[in-house]
Amino acid sequence: MKKEQKVIKVRPGERVSCPTKYHENWNLHPRVYIDLKDKKTNSCPYCGTTFKVEKES
């Protein structure tokens, strides 16, 4: 059975790192910065958490 991955919505231009300070295990893996500059979504290579850029309002 595949574990369901989290999807975290972020604002355009926001700097994103994983794990976030809101993860239960904030020291789960080394901190990595997620590149969302040219993409709408991207995932953490360690845990698979997906980060998705919200539409600007």
PDB file of N, CA and C in Angstrom:
ATOM      1  N   MET A   1       0.846  -1.180   0.000  1.00  0.00           N
ATOM      2  CA  MET A   1       0.000   0.000   0.000  1.00  0.00           C
ATOM      3  C   MET A   1       0.894   1.248   0.000  1.00  0.00           C
ATOM      4  N   LYS A   2       0.613   2.172  -0.890  1.00  0.00           N
ATOM      5  CA  LYS A   2       1.409   3.386  -1.004  1.00  0.00           C
ATOM      6  C   LYS A   2       0.950   4.423   0.007  1.00  0.00           C
ATOM      7  N   LYS A   3       1.918   5.045   0.683  1.00  0.00           N
ATOM      8  CA  LYS A   3       1.605   6.072   1.670  1.00  0.00           C
ATOM      9  C   LYS A   3       1.168   7.354   0.957  1.00  0.00           C
ATOM     10  N   GLU A   4       0.084   7.962   1.427  1.00  0.00           N
ATOM     11  CA  GLU A   4      -0.411   9.200   0.832  1.00  0.00           C
ATOM     12  C   GLU A   4       0.536  10.348   1.178  1.00  0.00           C
ATOM     13  N   GLN A   5       0.925  11.124   0.172  1.00  0.00           N
ATOM     14  CA  GLN A   5       1.855  12.225   0.370  1.00  0.00           C
ATOM     15  C   GLN A   5       1.103  13.530   0.620  1.00  0.00           C
ATOM     16  N   LYS A   6       1.705  14.402   1.400  1.00  0.00           N
ATOM     17  CA  LYS A   6       1.117  15.709   1.692  1.00  0.00           C
ATOM     18  C   LYS A   6       1.301  16.645   0.509  1.00  0.00           C
ATOM     19  N   VAL A   7       0.344  17.556   0.339  1.00  0.00           N
ATOM     20  CA  VAL A   7       0.461  18.637  -0.635  1.00  0.00           C
ATOM     21  C   VAL A   7       0.371  19.933   0.153  1.00  0.00           C
ATOM     22  N   ILE A   8       1.404  20.761   0.035  1.00  0.00           N
ATOM     23  CA  ILE A   8       1.459  22.030   0.754  1.00  0.00           C
ATOM     24  C   ILE A   8       1.349  23.157  -0.260  1.00  0.00           C
ATOM     25  N   LYS A   9       0.369  24.035  -0.059  1.00  0.00           N
ATOM     26  CA  LYS A   9       0.173  25.174  -0.954  1.00  0.00           C
ATOM     27  C   LYS A   9       1.038  26.335  -0.478  1.00  0.00           C
ATOM     28  N   VAL A  10       1.701  26.992  -1.436  1.00  0.00           N
ATOM     29  CA  VAL A  10       2.571  28.119  -1.120  1.00  0.00           C
ATOM     30  C   VAL A  10       2.222  29.306  -2.009  1.00  0.00           C
ATOM     31  N   ARG A  11       2.606  30.493  -1.573  1.00  0.00           N
ATOM     32  CA  ARG A  11       2.361  31.711  -2.348  1.00  0.00           C
ATOM     33  C   ARG A  11       3.417  31.857  -3.446  1.00  0.00           C
ATOM     34  N   PRO A  12       3.067  32.516  -4.533  1.00  0.00           N
ATOM     35  CA  PRO A  12       4.052  32.769  -5.589  1.00  0.00           C
ATOM     36  C   PRO A  12       5.250  33.532  -5.021  1.00  0.00           C
ATOM     37  N   GLY A  13       6.455  33.103  -5.363  1.00  0.00           N
ATOM     38  CA  GLY A  13       7.666  33.769  -4.910  1.00  0.00           C
ATOM     39  C   GLY A  13       8.136  33.368  -3.521  1.00  0.00           C
ATOM     40  N   GLU A  14       7.383  32.521  -2.832  1.00  0.00           N
ATOM     41  CA  GLU A  14       7.750  32.109  -1.477  1.00  0.00           C
ATOM     42  C   GLU A  14       8.923  31.123  -1.526  1.00  0.00           C
ATOM     43  N   ARG A  15       9.893  31.306  -0.628  1.00  0.00           N
ATOM     44  CA  ARG A  15      11.021  30.383  -0.518  1.00  0.00           C
ATOM     45  C   ARG A  15      10.556  29.163   0.276  1.00  0.00           C
ATOM     46  N   VAL A  16      10.783  27.977  -0.275  1.00  0.00           N
ATOM     47  CA  VAL A  16      10.247  26.756   0.318  1.00  0.00           C
ATOM     48  C   VAL A  16      11.374  25.783   0.643  1.00  0.00           C
ATOM     49  N   SER A  17      11.332  25.234   1.859  1.00  0.00           N
ATOM     50  CA  SER A  17      12.279  24.188   2.235  1.00  0.00           C
ATOM     51  C   SER A  17      11.521  23.037   2.874  1.00  0.00           C
ATOM     52  N   CYS A  18      12.137  21.876   2.832  1.00  0.00           N
ATOM     53  CA  CYS A  18      11.540  20.681   3.423  1.00  0.00           C
ATOM     54  C   CYS A  18      12.615  19.975   4.238  1.00  0.00           C
ATOM     55  N   PRO A  19      12.303  19.467   5.406  1.00  0.00           N
ATOM     56  CA  PRO A  19      10.997  19.491   6.038  1.00  0.00           C
ATOM     57  C   PRO A  19      10.662  20.891   6.539  1.00  0.00           C
ATOM     58  N   THR A  20       9.371  21.191   6.575  1.00  0.00           N
ATOM     59  CA  THR A  20       8.936  22.492   7.077  1.00  0.00           C
ATOM     60  C   THR A  20       8.903  22.457   8.597  1.00  0.00           C
ATOM     61  N   LYS A  21       8.804  23.617   9.203  1.00  0.00           N
ATOM     62  CA  LYS A  21       8.726  23.660  10.670  1.00  0.00           C
ATOM     63  C   LYS A  21       7.414  23.077  11.178  1.00  0.00           C
ATOM     64  N   TYR A  22       6.472  22.817  10.272  1.00  0.00           N
ATOM     65  CA  TYR A  22       5.177  22.266  10.663  1.00  0.00           C
ATOM     66  C   TYR A  22       5.125  20.740  10.572  1.00  0.00           C
ATOM     67  N   HIS A  23       6.160  20.106  10.024  1.00  0.00           N
ATOM     68  CA  HIS A  23       6.204  18.646   9.977  1.00  0.00           C
ATOM     69  C   HIS A  23       6.295  18.093  11.396  1.00  0.00           C
ATOM     70  N   GLU A  24       5.644  16.965  11.616  1.00  0.00           N
ATOM     71  CA  GLU A  24       5.722  16.316  12.928  1.00  0.00           C
ATOM     72  C   GLU A  24       7.166  15.990  13.269  1.00  0.00           C
ATOM     73  N   ASN A  25       7.897  15.465  12.312  1.00  0.00           N
ATOM     74  CA  ASN A  25       9.309  15.140  12.497  1.00  0.00           C
ATOM     75  C   ASN A  25      10.131  16.142  11.703  1.00  0.00           C
ATOM     76  N   TRP A  26      10.348  17.328  12.261  1.00  0.00           N
ATOM     77  CA  TRP A  26      11.034  18.386  11.524  1.00  0.00           C
ATOM     78  C   TRP A  26      12.471  18.010  11.184  1.00  0.00           C
ATOM     79  N   ASN A  27      13.034  17.013  11.882  1.00  0.00           N
ATOM     80  CA  ASN A  27      14.393  16.575  11.570  1.00  0.00           C
ATOM     81  C   ASN A  27      14.380  15.227  10.845  1.00  0.00           C
ATOM     82  N   LEU A  28      13.353  14.984  10.073  1.00  0.00           N
ATOM     83  CA  LEU A  28      13.149  13.737   9.346  1.00  0.00           C
ATOM     84  C   LEU A  28      14.279  13.453   8.349  1.00  0.00           C
ATOM     85  N   HIS A  29      14.759  14.476   7.677  1.00  0.00           N
ATOM     86  CA  HIS A  29      15.823  14.332   6.682  1.00  0.00           C
ATOM     87  C   HIS A  29      16.543  15.664   6.567  1.00  0.00           C
ATOM     88  N   PRO A  30      17.676  15.721   5.833  1.00  0.00           N
ATOM     89  CA  PRO A  30      18.380  16.995   5.667  1.00  0.00           C
ATOM     90  C   PRO A  30      17.469  18.037   5.013  1.00  0.00           C
ATOM     91  N   ARG A  31      17.645  19.292   5.393  1.00  0.00           N
ATOM     92  CA  ARG A  31      16.842  20.365   4.796  1.00  0.00           C
ATOM     93  C   ARG A  31      17.247  20.565   3.343  1.00  0.00           C
ATOM     94  N   VAL A  32      16.248  20.633   2.488  1.00  0.00           N
ATOM     95  CA  VAL A  32      16.464  20.916   1.073  1.00  0.00           C
ATOM     96  C   VAL A  32      15.524  22.041   0.662  1.00  0.00           C
ATOM     97  N   TYR A  33      15.991  22.880  -0.248  1.00  0.00           N
ATOM     98  CA  TYR A  33      15.152  23.950  -0.777  1.00  0.00           C
ATOM     99  C   TYR A  33      14.518  23.460  -2.072  1.00  0.00           C
ATOM    100  N   ILE A  34      13.231  23.704  -2.188  1.00  0.00           N
ATOM    101  CA  ILE A  34      12.452  23.213  -3.319  1.00  0.00           C
ATOM    102  C   ILE A  34      12.346  24.311  -4.373  1.00  0.00           C
ATOM    103  N   ASP A  35      12.782  24.004  -5.594  1.00  0.00           N
ATOM    104  CA  ASP A  35      12.763  24.974  -6.690  1.00  0.00           C
ATOM    105  C   ASP A  35      11.369  25.042  -7.305  1.00  0.00           C
ATOM    106  N   LEU A  36      10.729  26.191  -7.158  1.00  0.00           N
ATOM    107  CA  LEU A  36       9.408  26.409  -7.755  1.00  0.00           C
ATOM    108  C   LEU A  36       9.427  27.583  -8.733  1.00  0.00           C
ATOM    109  N   LYS A  37      10.619  28.047  -9.079  1.00  0.00           N
ATOM    110  CA  LYS A  37      10.738  29.223  -9.930  1.00  0.00           C
ATOM    111  C   LYS A  37      10.097  29.021 -11.302  1.00  0.00           C
ATOM    112  N   ASP A  38      10.370  27.910 -11.948  1.00  0.00           N
ATOM    113  CA  ASP A  38       9.848  27.656 -13.293  1.00  0.00           C
ATOM    114  C   ASP A  38       8.777  26.577 -13.314  1.00  0.00           C
ATOM    115  N   LYS A  39       8.329  26.162 -12.132  1.00  0.00           N
ATOM    116  CA  LYS A  39       7.351  25.076 -12.040  1.00  0.00           C
ATOM    117  C   LYS A  39       6.194  25.490 -11.148  1.00  0.00           C
ATOM    118  N   LYS A  40       5.042  24.876 -11.357  1.00  0.00           N
ATOM    119  CA  LYS A  40       3.876  25.121 -10.492  1.00  0.00           C
ATOM    120  C   LYS A  40       3.883  24.171  -9.306  1.00  0.00           C
ATOM    121  N   THR A  41       4.482  22.986  -9.483  1.00  0.00           N
ATOM    122  CA  THR A  41       4.586  22.014  -8.397  1.00  0.00           C
ATOM    123  C   THR A  41       5.959  21.352  -8.446  1.00  0.00           C
ATOM    124  N   ASN A  42       6.409  20.900  -7.280  1.00  0.00           N
ATOM    125  CA  ASN A  42       7.650  20.152  -7.181  1.00  0.00           C
ATOM    126  C   ASN A  42       7.602  19.371  -5.880  1.00  0.00           C
ATOM    127  N   SER A  43       8.327  18.271  -5.825  1.00  0.00           N
ATOM    128  CA  SER A  43       8.295  17.407  -4.651  1.00  0.00           C
ATOM    129  C   SER A  43       9.661  17.301  -3.998  1.00  0.00           C
ATOM    130  N   CYS A  44       9.653  17.026  -2.708  1.00  0.00           N
ATOM    131  CA  CYS A  44      10.874  16.799  -1.952  1.00  0.00           C
ATOM    132  C   CYS A  44      11.473  15.459  -2.390  1.00  0.00           C
ATOM    133  N   PRO A  45      12.772  15.431  -2.701  1.00  0.00           N
ATOM    134  CA  PRO A  45      13.379  14.172  -3.125  1.00  0.00           C
ATOM    135  C   PRO A  45      13.509  13.144  -2.001  1.00  0.00           C
ATOM    136  N   TYR A  46      13.432  13.577  -0.753  1.00  0.00           N
ATOM    137  CA  TYR A  46      13.563  12.654   0.377  1.00  0.00           C
ATOM    138  C   TYR A  46      12.235  12.040   0.802  1.00  0.00           C
ATOM    139  N   CYS A  47      11.230  12.884   1.048  1.00  0.00           N
ATOM    140  CA  CYS A  47       9.985  12.370   1.633  1.00  0.00           C
ATOM    141  C   CYS A  47       8.796  12.406   0.677  1.00  0.00           C
ATOM    142  N   GLY A  48       8.941  13.087  -0.458  1.00  0.00           N
ATOM    143  CA  GLY A  48       7.865  13.114  -1.434  1.00  0.00           C
ATOM    144  C   GLY A  48       6.794  14.160  -1.192  1.00  0.00           C
ATOM    145  N   THR A  49       6.933  14.973  -0.141  1.00  0.00           N
ATOM    146  CA  THR A  49       5.960  16.037   0.089  1.00  0.00           C
ATOM    147  C   THR A  49       5.925  16.933  -1.141  1.00  0.00           C
ATOM    148  N   THR A  50       4.728  17.243  -1.621  1.00  0.00           N
ATOM    149  CA  THR A  50       4.565  18.062  -2.811  1.00  0.00           C
ATOM    150  C   THR A  50       4.239  19.491  -2.414  1.00  0.00           C
ATOM    151  N   PHE A  51       4.885  20.427  -3.079  1.00  0.00           N
ATOM    152  CA  PHE A  51       4.641  21.850  -2.864  1.00  0.00           C
ATOM    153  C   PHE A  51       4.021  22.393  -4.142  1.00  0.00           C
ATOM    154  N   LYS A  52       2.908  23.112  -3.984  1.00  0.00           N
ATOM    155  CA  LYS A  52       2.152  23.618  -5.131  1.00  0.00           C
ATOM    156  C   LYS A  52       1.948  25.120  -4.973  1.00  0.00           C
ATOM    157  N   VAL A  53       2.272  25.867  -6.025  1.00  0.00           N
ATOM    158  CA  VAL A  53       2.101  27.316  -6.009  1.00  0.00           C
ATOM    159  C   VAL A  53       0.631  27.639  -6.224  1.00  0.00           C
ATOM    160  N   GLU A  54       0.064  28.455  -5.303  1.00  0.00           N
ATOM    161  CA  GLU A  54      -1.323  28.900  -5.437  1.00  0.00           C
ATOM    162  C   GLU A  54      -1.402  29.978  -6.495  1.00  0.00           C
ATOM    163  N   LYS A  55      -2.576  30.123  -7.082  1.00  0.00           N
ATOM    164  CA  LYS A  55      -2.796  31.203  -8.042  1.00  0.00           C
ATOM    165  C   LYS A  55      -2.771  32.532  -7.311  1.00  0.00           C
ATOM    166  N   GLU A  56      -2.244  33.558  -7.989  1.00  0.00           N
ATOM    167  CA  GLU A  56      -2.254  34.896  -7.403  1.00  0.00           C
ATOM    168  C   GLU A  56      -3.669  35.436  -7.433  1.00  0.00           C
ATOM    169  N   SER A  57      -4.058  36.105  -6.340  1.00  0.00           N
ATOM    170  CA  SER A  57      -5.417  36.662  -6.306  1.00  0.00           C
ATOM    171  C   SER A  57      -5.409  38.159  -6.398  1.00  0.00           C
TER     172      SER A  57
END
